[in-house]
Amino acid sequence: MKRLLLSLTAILAYFNSFSQEKFTGIGVFKIGSDSSVVYNYAEEKCKKVKVISSIPVFDKKYIAKISKGAADIIVDPCPDVSEYRLALYEVAGMKLKNVELTFYKNKLIKFRSDYSTEVVNALDQKYGKSESTIKYDTASCVYQLTGITRKLVAKTYHNNRESDDIHFSAFVGSYYDDKCNEQYYSGLSYSIQVLEQLKCSNEASKNKYTPKLKDEKQLKDL
């Protein structure tokens, strides 16, 4: 009997240690990992990392590193931020499409991709059930042919997970456009807030869009 109790205690301790494992990221892309994980993954998949300065940025032939001088791509202006794009990320027999990676001072701070039910369910199995919520948005839609106003309700389903300072969110939802057509959107992301990075990005953004002042001589000749 004593031996049985000891065995049960050992089993419970094992499962408790498993359930207490904290979420830090998906596969090799853990929050806080350095950019070498991108190059290691590229090598593993026989791809190269290519600097891209124009769309399209998602290509299965390579992993894109976004150039700071990109004209038609939204880029974080902070000089300490580097961004990568993967058309496909394969992990544990599952696939995530259109992955966006953001590094600050060579440390991963944000991961974003298309939504995957399979991945969300696998994370729930490994780390415990995430918090599920539903957000309702009401819109008033006027049909042009009849002039009738109708109330429409759009729903967004969220799966949220908090692990220390890391926030995970997966969402599937809809909204109504100005023609009363329901549009759908979805995504998956996890990140950590770094105040130093936010300050850097905000200041760099201001400098980028602040016009350079002319000196007095130039103004005199104007």
N, C-alpha and C. Protein backbone atom coordinates (compact mmCIF):
# COMPACT_ATOMS: atom_id res chain seq x y z
N MET A 1 0.84 -1.21 0.00
CA MET A 1 0.00 0.00 0.00
C MET A 1 0.87 1.26 0.00
N LYS A 2 1.91 1.22 0.82
CA LYS A 2 2.82 2.36 0.90
C LYS A 2 3.51 2.58 -0.44
N ARG A 3 3.89 1.44 -1.07
CA ARG A 3 4.55 1.53 -2.36
C ARG A 3 3.61 2.13 -3.41
N LEU A 4 2.33 1.77 -3.36
CA LEU A 4 1.33 2.29 -4.28
C LEU A 4 1.17 3.80 -4.12
N LEU A 5 1.13 4.24 -2.85
CA LEU A 5 0.98 5.68 -2.58
C LEU A 5 2.19 6.46 -3.10
N LEU A 6 3.37 5.88 -2.94
CA LEU A 6 4.58 6.53 -3.44
C LEU A 6 4.55 6.64 -4.96
N SER A 7 4.04 5.58 -5.60
CA SER A 7 3.95 5.58 -7.07
C SER A 7 2.97 6.65 -7.54
N LEU A 8 1.83 6.74 -6.87
CA LEU A 8 0.82 7.75 -7.23
C LEU A 8 1.36 9.16 -7.02
N THR A 9 2.11 9.35 -5.94
CA THR A 9 2.72 10.65 -5.67
C THR A 9 3.70 11.04 -6.77
N ALA A 10 4.49 10.07 -7.21
CA ALA A 10 5.46 10.33 -8.27
C ALA A 10 4.76 10.70 -9.58
N ILE A 11 3.66 10.00 -9.88
CA ILE A 11 2.91 10.28 -11.11
C ILE A 11 2.30 11.67 -11.07
N LEU A 12 1.71 12.02 -9.93
CA LEU A 12 1.11 13.35 -9.78
C LEU A 12 2.16 14.44 -9.88
N ALA A 13 3.32 14.20 -9.30
CA ALA A 13 4.41 15.18 -9.36
C ALA A 13 4.86 15.39 -10.80
N TYR A 14 4.88 14.30 -11.58
CA TYR A 14 5.28 14.39 -12.99
C TYR A 14 4.30 15.26 -13.77
N PHE A 15 3.00 14.98 -13.63
CA PHE A 15 1.99 15.73 -14.37
C PHE A 15 1.92 17.18 -13.90
N ASN A 16 2.15 17.41 -12.62
CA ASN A 16 2.15 18.79 -12.13
C ASN A 16 3.30 19.59 -12.71
N SER A 17 4.46 18.94 -12.81
CA SER A 17 5.62 19.64 -13.38
C SER A 17 5.39 19.95 -14.84
N PHE A 18 4.66 19.06 -15.56
CA PHE A 18 4.36 19.28 -16.97
C PHE A 18 3.38 20.43 -17.13
N SER A 19 2.35 20.46 -16.27
CA SER A 19 1.32 21.48 -16.39
C SER A 19 1.84 22.86 -15.99
N GLN A 20 2.92 22.89 -15.21
CA GLN A 20 3.47 24.17 -14.77
C GLN A 20 4.46 24.75 -15.77
N GLU A 21 4.72 24.05 -16.86
CA GLU A 21 5.63 24.55 -17.88
C GLU A 21 5.06 25.86 -18.44
N LYS A 22 5.91 26.85 -18.55
CA LYS A 22 5.45 28.18 -18.97
C LYS A 22 5.62 28.38 -20.47
N PHE A 23 4.67 29.08 -21.05
CA PHE A 23 4.72 29.39 -22.47
C PHE A 23 5.74 30.51 -22.71
N THR A 24 6.68 30.26 -23.62
CA THR A 24 7.66 31.28 -23.99
C THR A 24 7.72 31.51 -25.49
N GLY A 25 7.02 30.66 -26.25
CA GLY A 25 7.02 30.82 -27.70
C GLY A 25 6.68 29.51 -28.38
N ILE A 26 6.67 29.54 -29.71
CA ILE A 26 6.32 28.37 -30.51
C ILE A 26 7.57 27.86 -31.21
N GLY A 27 7.94 26.61 -30.90
CA GLY A 27 9.11 26.02 -31.53
C GLY A 27 10.39 26.75 -31.18
N VAL A 28 11.18 27.07 -32.20
CA VAL A 28 12.48 27.73 -31.96
C VAL A 28 12.33 29.22 -31.71
N PHE A 29 11.16 29.77 -32.01
CA PHE A 29 10.99 31.22 -31.88
C PHE A 29 10.43 31.58 -30.50
N LYS A 30 11.33 31.51 -29.52
CA LYS A 30 10.99 31.85 -28.14
C LYS A 30 11.25 33.34 -27.90
N ILE A 31 10.41 33.95 -27.09
CA ILE A 31 10.66 35.34 -26.71
C ILE A 31 12.02 35.43 -26.01
N GLY A 32 12.84 36.38 -26.45
CA GLY A 32 14.17 36.55 -25.87
C GLY A 32 15.27 35.85 -26.63
N SER A 33 14.92 34.96 -27.59
CA SER A 33 15.96 34.30 -28.38
C SER A 33 16.57 35.30 -29.36
N ASP A 34 17.83 35.07 -29.76
CA ASP A 34 18.47 36.02 -30.68
C ASP A 34 18.20 35.63 -32.13
N SER A 35 18.61 36.49 -33.05
CA SER A 35 18.27 36.31 -34.46
C SER A 35 18.95 35.12 -35.12
N SER A 36 19.89 34.48 -34.41
CA SER A 36 20.52 33.29 -34.98
C SER A 36 19.50 32.18 -35.23
N VAL A 37 18.37 32.20 -34.48
CA VAL A 37 17.35 31.16 -34.69
C VAL A 37 16.75 31.28 -36.09
N VAL A 38 16.69 32.50 -36.63
CA VAL A 38 16.17 32.70 -37.98
C VAL A 38 17.11 32.06 -39.00
N TYR A 39 18.41 32.33 -38.84
CA TYR A 39 19.40 31.81 -39.79
C TYR A 39 19.55 30.29 -39.64
N ASN A 40 19.45 29.78 -38.43
CA ASN A 40 19.51 28.33 -38.23
C ASN A 40 18.31 27.64 -38.88
N TYR A 41 17.13 28.25 -38.74
CA TYR A 41 15.93 27.68 -39.36
C TYR A 41 16.05 27.73 -40.88
N ALA A 42 16.59 28.83 -41.40
CA ALA A 42 16.78 28.97 -42.84
C ALA A 42 17.72 27.88 -43.37
N GLU A 43 18.79 27.64 -42.63
CA GLU A 43 19.76 26.62 -43.04
C GLU A 43 19.13 25.23 -43.00
N GLU A 44 18.33 25.00 -41.96
CA GLU A 44 17.65 23.70 -41.82
C GLU A 44 16.71 23.44 -42.98
N LYS A 45 16.06 24.49 -43.47
CA LYS A 45 15.09 24.35 -44.56
C LYS A 45 15.71 24.65 -45.93
N CYS A 46 17.05 24.75 -45.96
CA CYS A 46 17.78 25.01 -47.21
C CYS A 46 17.30 26.28 -47.90
N LYS A 47 17.13 27.33 -47.12
CA LYS A 47 16.73 28.62 -47.66
C LYS A 47 17.77 29.67 -47.28
N LYS A 48 17.72 30.80 -47.95
CA LYS A 48 18.62 31.90 -47.61
C LYS A 48 17.81 33.04 -46.99
N VAL A 49 18.51 33.88 -46.26
CA VAL A 49 17.89 35.09 -45.71
C VAL A 49 18.24 36.23 -46.67
N LYS A 50 17.22 36.87 -47.20
CA LYS A 50 17.39 37.89 -48.24
C LYS A 50 16.85 39.23 -47.77
N VAL A 51 17.65 40.29 -47.94
CA VAL A 51 17.20 41.64 -47.58
C VAL A 51 16.21 42.12 -48.63
N ILE A 52 15.03 42.53 -48.17
CA ILE A 52 13.95 42.94 -49.07
C ILE A 52 13.58 44.39 -48.80
N SER A 53 13.41 45.16 -49.87
CA SER A 53 13.04 46.57 -49.72
C SER A 53 11.73 46.92 -50.42
N SER A 54 11.05 45.91 -50.98
CA SER A 54 9.76 46.15 -51.64
C SER A 54 8.92 44.89 -51.58
N ILE A 55 7.61 45.04 -51.77
CA ILE A 55 6.72 43.89 -51.76
C ILE A 55 6.89 43.08 -53.04
N PRO A 56 6.58 41.76 -53.04
CA PRO A 56 6.07 40.98 -51.90
C PRO A 56 7.19 40.60 -50.93
N VAL A 57 6.85 40.48 -49.66
CA VAL A 57 7.85 40.10 -48.66
C VAL A 57 7.76 38.63 -48.29
N PHE A 58 6.61 38.00 -48.57
CA PHE A 58 6.45 36.59 -48.25
C PHE A 58 6.73 35.74 -49.49
N ASP A 59 7.76 34.92 -49.40
CA ASP A 59 8.14 34.06 -50.52
C ASP A 59 8.70 32.76 -49.95
N LYS A 60 8.22 31.64 -50.43
CA LYS A 60 8.66 30.34 -49.91
C LYS A 60 10.11 30.02 -50.26
N LYS A 61 10.69 30.80 -51.20
CA LYS A 61 12.06 30.52 -51.61
C LYS A 61 13.10 31.06 -50.63
N TYR A 62 12.71 32.03 -49.81
CA TYR A 62 13.66 32.64 -48.89
C TYR A 62 12.95 33.20 -47.67
N ILE A 63 13.74 33.58 -46.65
CA ILE A 63 13.24 34.31 -45.49
C ILE A 63 13.64 35.77 -45.70
N ALA A 64 12.69 36.66 -45.58
CA ALA A 64 12.95 38.07 -45.87
C ALA A 64 13.39 38.82 -44.62
N LYS A 65 14.46 39.60 -44.76
CA LYS A 65 14.83 40.57 -43.73
C LYS A 65 14.46 41.94 -44.30
N ILE A 66 13.61 42.67 -43.59
CA ILE A 66 13.07 43.91 -44.13
C ILE A 66 14.09 45.04 -44.01
N SER A 67 14.37 45.68 -45.13
CA SER A 67 15.31 46.79 -45.16
C SER A 67 14.69 48.03 -44.53
N LYS A 68 15.50 48.79 -43.80
CA LYS A 68 15.04 50.04 -43.20
C LYS A 68 14.67 51.06 -44.27
N GLY A 69 15.22 50.89 -45.47
CA GLY A 69 14.93 51.83 -46.55
C GLY A 69 13.77 51.42 -47.42
N ALA A 70 13.00 50.43 -46.97
CA ALA A 70 11.88 49.96 -47.78
C ALA A 70 10.86 51.07 -47.99
N ALA A 71 10.44 51.24 -49.25
CA ALA A 71 9.54 52.34 -49.58
C ALA A 71 8.07 51.98 -49.42
N ASP A 72 7.71 50.75 -49.76
CA ASP A 72 6.29 50.38 -49.75
C ASP A 72 5.96 49.31 -48.71
N ILE A 73 6.79 49.21 -47.67
CA ILE A 73 6.57 48.27 -46.58
C ILE A 73 6.57 49.06 -45.27
N ILE A 74 5.63 48.76 -44.40
CA ILE A 74 5.61 49.42 -43.10
C ILE A 74 6.75 48.84 -42.26
N VAL A 75 7.71 49.69 -41.89
CA VAL A 75 8.90 49.25 -41.16
C VAL A 75 9.01 50.04 -39.86
N ASP A 76 9.37 49.35 -38.78
CA ASP A 76 9.63 50.04 -37.53
C ASP A 76 10.90 50.89 -37.71
N PRO A 77 10.79 52.21 -37.49
CA PRO A 77 11.95 53.10 -37.76
C PRO A 77 13.07 53.03 -36.73
N CYS A 78 12.83 52.39 -35.58
CA CYS A 78 13.87 52.31 -34.55
C CYS A 78 15.09 51.57 -35.10
N PRO A 79 16.28 52.15 -35.03
CA PRO A 79 17.48 51.50 -35.58
C PRO A 79 17.85 50.19 -34.88
N ASP A 80 17.37 49.98 -33.67
CA ASP A 80 17.68 48.76 -32.93
C ASP A 80 16.67 47.64 -33.17
N VAL A 81 15.70 47.89 -34.04
CA VAL A 81 14.68 46.89 -34.37
C VAL A 81 14.99 46.27 -35.73
N SER A 82 14.94 44.94 -35.78
CA SER A 82 15.09 44.22 -37.05
C SER A 82 13.88 43.32 -37.24
N GLU A 83 13.44 43.19 -38.49
CA GLU A 83 12.21 42.45 -38.77
C GLU A 83 12.42 41.44 -39.89
N TYR A 84 11.80 40.27 -39.70
CA TYR A 84 11.92 39.18 -40.67
C TYR A 84 10.52 38.68 -41.04
N ARG A 85 10.40 38.10 -42.24
CA ARG A 85 9.14 37.54 -42.71
C ARG A 85 9.36 36.13 -43.26
N LEU A 86 8.51 35.19 -42.82
CA LEU A 86 8.55 33.81 -43.31
C LEU A 86 7.20 33.48 -43.93
N ALA A 87 7.21 33.01 -45.15
CA ALA A 87 5.95 32.62 -45.80
C ALA A 87 5.35 31.40 -45.12
N LEU A 88 6.22 30.51 -44.62
CA LEU A 88 5.75 29.29 -43.99
C LEU A 88 6.70 28.86 -42.88
N TYR A 89 6.13 28.55 -41.73
CA TYR A 89 6.92 28.07 -40.59
C TYR A 89 6.36 26.70 -40.20
N GLU A 90 7.21 25.68 -40.30
CA GLU A 90 6.80 24.31 -39.98
C GLU A 90 7.35 23.94 -38.60
N VAL A 91 6.45 23.50 -37.72
CA VAL A 91 6.85 23.18 -36.35
C VAL A 91 5.98 22.05 -35.83
N ALA A 92 6.60 21.00 -35.31
CA ALA A 92 5.90 19.86 -34.69
C ALA A 92 4.83 19.27 -35.59
N GLY A 93 5.13 19.21 -36.90
CA GLY A 93 4.18 18.63 -37.85
C GLY A 93 3.04 19.56 -38.21
N MET A 94 3.10 20.81 -37.75
CA MET A 94 2.06 21.80 -38.05
C MET A 94 2.66 22.95 -38.86
N LYS A 95 1.79 23.77 -39.44
CA LYS A 95 2.26 24.87 -40.28
C LYS A 95 1.61 26.19 -39.87
N LEU A 96 2.43 27.23 -39.85
CA LEU A 96 1.94 28.59 -39.64
C LEU A 96 2.37 29.43 -40.85
N LYS A 97 1.43 30.16 -41.40
CA LYS A 97 1.71 30.95 -42.61
C LYS A 97 1.88 32.43 -42.29
N ASN A 98 2.66 33.10 -43.15
CA ASN A 98 2.86 34.55 -43.08
C ASN A 98 3.33 35.00 -41.69
N VAL A 99 4.48 34.50 -41.31
CA VAL A 99 5.04 34.79 -40.00
C VAL A 99 5.85 36.10 -40.04
N GLU A 100 5.61 36.96 -39.03
CA GLU A 100 6.36 38.20 -38.88
C GLU A 100 7.11 38.16 -37.55
N LEU A 101 8.41 38.38 -37.60
CA LEU A 101 9.26 38.34 -36.41
C LEU A 101 9.86 39.72 -36.17
N THR A 102 9.79 40.19 -34.93
CA THR A 102 10.36 41.48 -34.58
C THR A 102 11.40 41.29 -33.47
N PHE A 103 12.61 41.76 -33.73
CA PHE A 103 13.70 41.69 -32.75
C PHE A 103 14.09 43.10 -32.31
N TYR A 104 14.37 43.23 -31.02
CA TYR A 104 14.89 44.50 -30.50
C TYR A 104 16.23 44.22 -29.83
N LYS A 105 17.26 44.90 -30.30
CA LYS A 105 18.62 44.66 -29.82
C LYS A 105 18.95 43.16 -29.87
N ASN A 106 18.55 42.58 -30.99
CA ASN A 106 18.83 41.17 -31.32
C ASN A 106 18.10 40.17 -30.42
N LYS A 107 17.01 40.59 -29.76
CA LYS A 107 16.20 39.69 -28.95
C LYS A 107 14.77 39.70 -29.48
N LEU A 108 14.19 38.50 -29.66
CA LEU A 108 12.82 38.40 -30.18
C LEU A 108 11.82 38.97 -29.18
N ILE A 109 11.02 39.94 -29.64
CA ILE A 109 10.01 40.54 -28.76
C ILE A 109 8.59 40.33 -29.28
N LYS A 110 8.46 39.93 -30.57
CA LYS A 110 7.11 39.74 -31.10
C LYS A 110 7.09 38.72 -32.22
N PHE A 111 6.06 37.88 -32.20
CA PHE A 111 5.80 36.87 -33.23
C PHE A 111 4.35 37.04 -33.67
N ARG A 112 4.12 37.05 -34.98
CA ARG A 112 2.76 37.17 -35.49
C ARG A 112 2.62 36.30 -36.73
N SER A 113 1.45 35.65 -36.88
CA SER A 113 1.21 34.81 -38.05
C SER A 113 -0.28 34.71 -38.33
N ASP A 114 -0.62 33.97 -39.38
CA ASP A 114 -2.02 33.66 -39.64
C ASP A 114 -2.53 32.74 -38.54
N TYR A 115 -3.84 32.69 -38.40
CA TYR A 115 -4.46 31.85 -37.37
C TYR A 115 -4.36 30.37 -37.74
N SER A 116 -4.23 29.53 -36.72
CA SER A 116 -4.22 28.08 -36.91
C SER A 116 -4.93 27.41 -35.74
N THR A 117 -6.06 26.79 -36.01
CA THR A 117 -6.80 26.08 -34.96
C THR A 117 -5.96 24.95 -34.39
N GLU A 118 -5.22 24.27 -35.28
CA GLU A 118 -4.39 23.14 -34.85
C GLU A 118 -3.33 23.57 -33.84
N VAL A 119 -2.69 24.70 -34.11
CA VAL A 119 -1.65 25.20 -33.21
C VAL A 119 -2.25 25.65 -31.88
N VAL A 120 -3.38 26.36 -31.92
CA VAL A 120 -4.04 26.83 -30.69
C VAL A 120 -4.43 25.65 -29.82
N ASN A 121 -4.98 24.59 -30.43
CA ASN A 121 -5.37 23.40 -29.67
C ASN A 121 -4.16 22.69 -29.08
N ALA A 122 -3.05 22.66 -29.83
CA ALA A 122 -1.83 22.00 -29.35
C ALA A 122 -1.24 22.77 -28.16
N LEU A 123 -1.30 24.11 -28.22
CA LEU A 123 -0.80 24.93 -27.10
C LEU A 123 -1.66 24.72 -25.85
N ASP A 124 -2.98 24.59 -26.05
CA ASP A 124 -3.88 24.32 -24.92
C ASP A 124 -3.54 22.97 -24.28
N GLN A 125 -3.19 22.00 -25.12
CA GLN A 125 -2.85 20.67 -24.62
C GLN A 125 -1.54 20.70 -23.82
N LYS A 126 -0.58 21.49 -24.28
CA LYS A 126 0.73 21.52 -23.63
C LYS A 126 0.76 22.41 -22.40
N TYR A 127 0.13 23.59 -22.49
CA TYR A 127 0.26 24.58 -21.42
C TYR A 127 -1.01 24.79 -20.59
N GLY A 128 -2.06 24.08 -20.93
CA GLY A 128 -3.33 24.30 -20.23
C GLY A 128 -4.24 25.19 -21.05
N LYS A 129 -5.51 25.11 -20.75
CA LYS A 129 -6.53 25.83 -21.51
C LYS A 129 -6.33 27.34 -21.45
N SER A 130 -6.39 27.98 -22.62
CA SER A 130 -6.29 29.44 -22.67
C SER A 130 -7.64 30.05 -22.33
N GLU A 131 -7.62 31.34 -22.04
CA GLU A 131 -8.86 32.04 -21.68
C GLU A 131 -9.62 32.41 -22.97
N SER A 132 -10.85 31.97 -23.07
CA SER A 132 -11.67 32.24 -24.26
C SER A 132 -12.67 33.35 -23.98
N THR A 133 -12.73 34.33 -24.89
CA THR A 133 -13.68 35.43 -24.76
C THR A 133 -14.31 35.72 -26.12
N ILE A 134 -15.47 36.35 -26.07
CA ILE A 134 -16.16 36.77 -27.30
C ILE A 134 -16.46 38.26 -27.20
N LYS A 135 -16.06 39.00 -28.22
CA LYS A 135 -16.33 40.43 -28.26
C LYS A 135 -17.41 40.70 -29.30
N TYR A 136 -18.42 41.50 -28.92
CA TYR A 136 -19.51 41.83 -29.83
C TYR A 136 -19.39 43.30 -30.25
N ASP A 137 -19.51 43.54 -31.55
CA ASP A 137 -19.52 44.91 -32.07
C ASP A 137 -20.81 45.11 -32.88
N THR A 138 -21.54 46.14 -32.53
CA THR A 138 -22.81 46.42 -33.22
C THR A 138 -22.61 47.53 -34.25
N ALA A 139 -23.15 47.31 -35.43
CA ALA A 139 -23.05 48.30 -36.50
C ALA A 139 -24.45 48.59 -37.05
N SER A 140 -24.69 49.85 -37.42
CA SER A 140 -25.95 50.24 -38.06
C SER A 140 -25.71 50.32 -39.55
N CYS A 141 -26.47 49.56 -40.29
CA CYS A 141 -26.26 49.48 -41.73
C CYS A 141 -27.53 49.95 -42.46
N VAL A 142 -27.36 50.90 -43.36
CA VAL A 142 -28.49 51.43 -44.15
C VAL A 142 -28.41 50.85 -45.55
N TYR A 143 -29.44 50.10 -45.94
CA TYR A 143 -29.49 49.53 -47.27
C TYR A 143 -29.97 50.60 -48.26
N GLN A 144 -29.16 50.88 -49.27
CA GLN A 144 -29.42 51.98 -50.18
C GLN A 144 -30.70 51.81 -50.99
N LEU A 145 -31.02 50.59 -51.38
CA LEU A 145 -32.20 50.37 -52.21
C LEU A 145 -33.49 50.60 -51.45
N THR A 146 -33.53 50.20 -50.19
CA THR A 146 -34.76 50.29 -49.40
C THR A 146 -34.76 51.43 -48.39
N GLY A 147 -33.56 51.88 -48.03
CA GLY A 147 -33.46 52.93 -47.01
C GLY A 147 -33.67 52.40 -45.60
N ILE A 148 -33.79 51.09 -45.47
CA ILE A 148 -34.03 50.47 -44.17
C ILE A 148 -32.72 50.37 -43.39
N THR A 149 -32.76 50.76 -42.12
CA THR A 149 -31.59 50.64 -41.24
C THR A 149 -31.69 49.35 -40.44
N ARG A 150 -30.63 48.62 -40.44
CA ARG A 150 -30.62 47.34 -39.74
C ARG A 150 -29.42 47.25 -38.81
N LYS A 151 -29.66 46.73 -37.62
CA LYS A 151 -28.58 46.51 -36.66
C LYS A 151 -27.89 45.18 -36.95
N LEU A 152 -26.58 45.23 -37.11
CA LEU A 152 -25.81 44.03 -37.38
C LEU A 152 -24.79 43.82 -36.27
N VAL A 153 -24.62 42.58 -35.89
CA VAL A 153 -23.69 42.25 -34.80
C VAL A 153 -22.55 41.40 -35.33
N ALA A 154 -21.34 41.89 -35.14
CA ALA A 154 -20.14 41.15 -35.52
C ALA A 154 -19.49 40.56 -34.27
N LYS A 155 -18.91 39.39 -34.40
CA LYS A 155 -18.30 38.72 -33.26
C LYS A 155 -16.81 38.47 -33.51
N THR A 156 -16.03 38.58 -32.44
CA THR A 156 -14.63 38.22 -32.49
C THR A 156 -14.33 37.26 -31.35
N TYR A 157 -13.79 36.11 -31.69
CA TYR A 157 -13.46 35.08 -30.70
C TYR A 157 -11.97 35.17 -30.38
N HIS A 158 -11.66 35.31 -29.10
CA HIS A 158 -10.27 35.44 -28.65
C HIS A 158 -9.86 34.25 -27.79
N ASN A 159 -8.61 33.83 -27.95
CA ASN A 159 -7.96 32.89 -27.03
C ASN A 159 -6.73 33.61 -26.49
N ASN A 160 -6.74 33.93 -25.21
CA ASN A 160 -5.64 34.69 -24.60
C ASN A 160 -4.89 33.84 -23.58
N ARG A 161 -3.61 34.13 -23.48
CA ARG A 161 -2.76 33.41 -22.54
C ARG A 161 -1.71 34.38 -21.99
N GLU A 162 -1.54 34.41 -20.68
CA GLU A 162 -0.53 35.24 -20.05
C GLU A 162 0.51 34.34 -19.39
N SER A 163 1.77 34.60 -19.69
CA SER A 163 2.86 33.82 -19.10
C SER A 163 3.96 34.79 -18.69
N ASP A 164 4.01 35.11 -17.39
CA ASP A 164 4.89 36.17 -16.91
C ASP A 164 4.55 37.45 -17.68
N ASP A 165 5.51 38.01 -18.42
CA ASP A 165 5.25 39.24 -19.17
C ASP A 165 4.89 38.98 -20.63
N ILE A 166 4.74 37.73 -21.00
CA ILE A 166 4.44 37.38 -22.39
C ILE A 166 2.92 37.27 -22.58
N HIS A 167 2.42 37.99 -23.58
CA HIS A 167 0.98 37.94 -23.88
C HIS A 167 0.77 37.20 -25.20
N PHE A 168 -0.07 36.16 -25.16
CA PHE A 168 -0.44 35.39 -26.35
C PHE A 168 -1.89 35.66 -26.69
N SER A 169 -2.17 35.85 -27.98
CA SER A 169 -3.54 36.07 -28.42
C SER A 169 -3.78 35.43 -29.78
N ALA A 170 -4.86 34.68 -29.88
CA ALA A 170 -5.30 34.14 -31.16
C ALA A 170 -6.74 34.58 -31.36
N PHE A 171 -7.09 35.02 -32.54
CA PHE A 171 -8.42 35.59 -32.73
C PHE A 171 -8.98 35.29 -34.12
N VAL A 172 -10.30 35.14 -34.15
CA VAL A 172 -11.05 34.98 -35.40
C VAL A 172 -12.28 35.85 -35.27
N GLY A 173 -12.50 36.74 -36.21
CA GLY A 173 -13.63 37.64 -36.07
C GLY A 173 -14.11 38.20 -37.39
N SER A 174 -15.07 39.11 -37.30
CA SER A 174 -15.63 39.74 -38.49
C SER A 174 -16.06 41.16 -38.18
N TYR A 175 -16.30 41.93 -39.24
CA TYR A 175 -16.83 43.28 -39.12
C TYR A 175 -17.63 43.57 -40.40
N TYR A 176 -18.40 44.65 -40.39
CA TYR A 176 -19.20 45.00 -41.56
C TYR A 176 -18.63 46.26 -42.21
N ASP A 177 -18.42 46.19 -43.52
CA ASP A 177 -17.89 47.35 -44.23
C ASP A 177 -19.01 48.34 -44.55
N ASP A 178 -18.67 49.43 -45.26
CA ASP A 178 -19.66 50.48 -45.53
C ASP A 178 -20.73 50.07 -46.53
N LYS A 179 -20.57 48.85 -47.11
CA LYS A 179 -21.59 48.31 -48.02
C LYS A 179 -22.40 47.20 -47.36
N CYS A 180 -22.27 47.11 -46.04
CA CYS A 180 -23.01 46.12 -45.25
C CYS A 180 -22.57 44.68 -45.52
N ASN A 181 -21.39 44.51 -46.07
CA ASN A 181 -20.87 43.16 -46.31
C ASN A 181 -20.00 42.74 -45.13
N GLU A 182 -20.19 41.52 -44.69
CA GLU A 182 -19.40 41.01 -43.56
C GLU A 182 -18.01 40.61 -44.05
N GLN A 183 -17.00 41.14 -43.39
CA GLN A 183 -15.61 40.83 -43.71
C GLN A 183 -14.98 40.07 -42.54
N TYR A 184 -14.05 39.18 -42.86
CA TYR A 184 -13.47 38.32 -41.83
C TYR A 184 -11.98 38.59 -41.67
N TYR A 185 -11.49 38.40 -40.45
CA TYR A 185 -10.06 38.56 -40.17
C TYR A 185 -9.67 37.59 -39.06
N SER A 186 -8.39 37.27 -39.00
CA SER A 186 -7.91 36.33 -37.98
C SER A 186 -6.41 36.50 -37.83
N GLY A 187 -5.86 35.96 -36.76
CA GLY A 187 -4.43 36.05 -36.55
C GLY A 187 -4.01 35.37 -35.27
N LEU A 188 -2.71 35.31 -35.09
CA LEU A 188 -2.12 34.69 -33.90
C LEU A 188 -0.85 35.46 -33.59
N SER A 189 -0.65 35.80 -32.33
CA SER A 189 0.56 36.54 -31.98
C SER A 189 0.94 36.33 -30.52
N TYR A 190 2.20 36.53 -30.23
CA TYR A 190 2.65 36.61 -28.84
C TYR A 190 3.81 37.60 -28.78
N SER A 191 3.88 38.30 -27.67
CA SER A 191 4.88 39.37 -27.58
C SER A 191 5.15 39.73 -26.13
N ILE A 192 6.19 40.52 -25.96
CA ILE A 192 6.53 41.08 -24.66
C ILE A 192 6.71 42.58 -24.86
N GLN A 193 6.18 43.37 -23.95
CA GLN A 193 6.29 44.81 -24.08
C GLN A 193 7.63 45.30 -23.54
N VAL A 194 8.36 46.01 -24.38
CA VAL A 194 9.65 46.58 -23.97
C VAL A 194 9.53 48.09 -24.09
N LEU A 195 9.46 48.77 -22.97
CA LEU A 195 9.25 50.22 -22.96
C LEU A 195 10.36 50.97 -23.69
N GLU A 196 11.57 50.47 -23.56
CA GLU A 196 12.72 51.11 -24.23
C GLU A 196 12.54 51.06 -25.74
N GLN A 197 12.02 49.94 -26.24
CA GLN A 197 11.79 49.81 -27.68
C GLN A 197 10.67 50.73 -28.14
N LEU A 198 9.59 50.83 -27.37
CA LEU A 198 8.48 51.70 -27.72
C LEU A 198 8.94 53.16 -27.81
N LYS A 199 9.76 53.57 -26.85
CA LYS A 199 10.29 54.93 -26.84
C LYS A 199 11.17 55.18 -28.07
N CYS A 200 12.01 54.22 -28.38
CA CYS A 200 12.90 54.33 -29.54
C CYS A 200 12.09 54.45 -30.83
N SER A 201 11.07 53.62 -30.98
CA SER A 201 10.24 53.63 -32.19
C SER A 201 9.47 54.93 -32.33
N ASN A 202 8.94 55.43 -31.21
CA ASN A 202 8.18 56.68 -31.25
C ASN A 202 9.07 57.86 -31.62
N GLU A 203 10.25 57.93 -31.03
CA GLU A 203 11.17 59.03 -31.31
C GLU A 203 11.67 58.96 -32.76
N ALA A 204 11.97 57.75 -33.22
CA ALA A 204 12.45 57.59 -34.59
C ALA A 204 11.36 57.94 -35.60
N SER A 205 10.13 57.62 -35.24
CA SER A 205 9.00 57.94 -36.12
C SER A 205 8.81 59.45 -36.23
N LYS A 206 8.95 60.16 -35.10
CA LYS A 206 8.81 61.62 -35.11
C LYS A 206 9.91 62.25 -35.97
N ASN A 207 11.12 61.76 -35.81
CA ASN A 207 12.25 62.31 -36.58
C ASN A 207 12.10 62.04 -38.07
N LYS A 208 11.50 60.89 -38.39
CA LYS A 208 11.34 60.50 -39.79
C LYS A 208 10.38 61.43 -40.51
N TYR A 209 9.33 61.85 -39.82
CA TYR A 209 8.30 62.66 -40.47
C TYR A 209 8.38 64.15 -40.12
N THR A 210 9.42 64.55 -39.38
CA THR A 210 9.62 65.97 -39.09
C THR A 210 10.50 66.57 -40.18
N PRO A 211 10.01 67.60 -40.89
CA PRO A 211 10.81 68.18 -41.98
C PRO A 211 12.10 68.81 -41.47
N LYS A 212 13.15 68.64 -42.24
CA LYS A 212 14.45 69.20 -41.87
C LYS A 212 14.43 70.71 -42.11
N LEU A 213 14.81 71.48 -41.11
CA LEU A 213 14.78 72.93 -41.21
C LEU A 213 15.97 73.44 -42.02
N LYS A 214 15.71 74.49 -42.80
CA LYS A 214 16.77 75.12 -43.59
C LYS A 214 17.59 76.04 -42.69
N ASP A 215 18.87 76.23 -43.05
CA ASP A 215 19.66 77.17 -42.27
C ASP A 215 19.36 78.60 -42.72
N GLU A 216 19.85 79.57 -41.98
CA GLU A 216 19.52 80.98 -42.22
C GLU A 216 19.97 81.46 -43.60
N LYS A 217 21.11 81.00 -44.08
CA LYS A 217 21.61 81.41 -45.38
C LYS A 217 20.67 80.96 -46.50
N GLN A 218 20.20 79.71 -46.38
CA GLN A 218 19.28 79.19 -47.39
C GLN A 218 17.99 79.99 -47.41
N LEU A 219 17.51 80.37 -46.20
CA LEU A 219 16.27 81.14 -46.12
C LEU A 219 16.48 82.53 -46.72
N LYS A 220 17.68 83.10 -46.53
CA LYS A 220 17.96 84.42 -47.05
C LYS A 220 17.94 84.43 -48.57
N ASP A 221 18.44 83.35 -49.17
CA ASP A 221 18.49 83.25 -50.63
C ASP A 221 17.14 82.85 -51.23
N LEU A 222 16.18 82.49 -50.39
CA LEU A 222 14.88 82.03 -50.87
C LEU A 222 14.08 83.17 -51.50
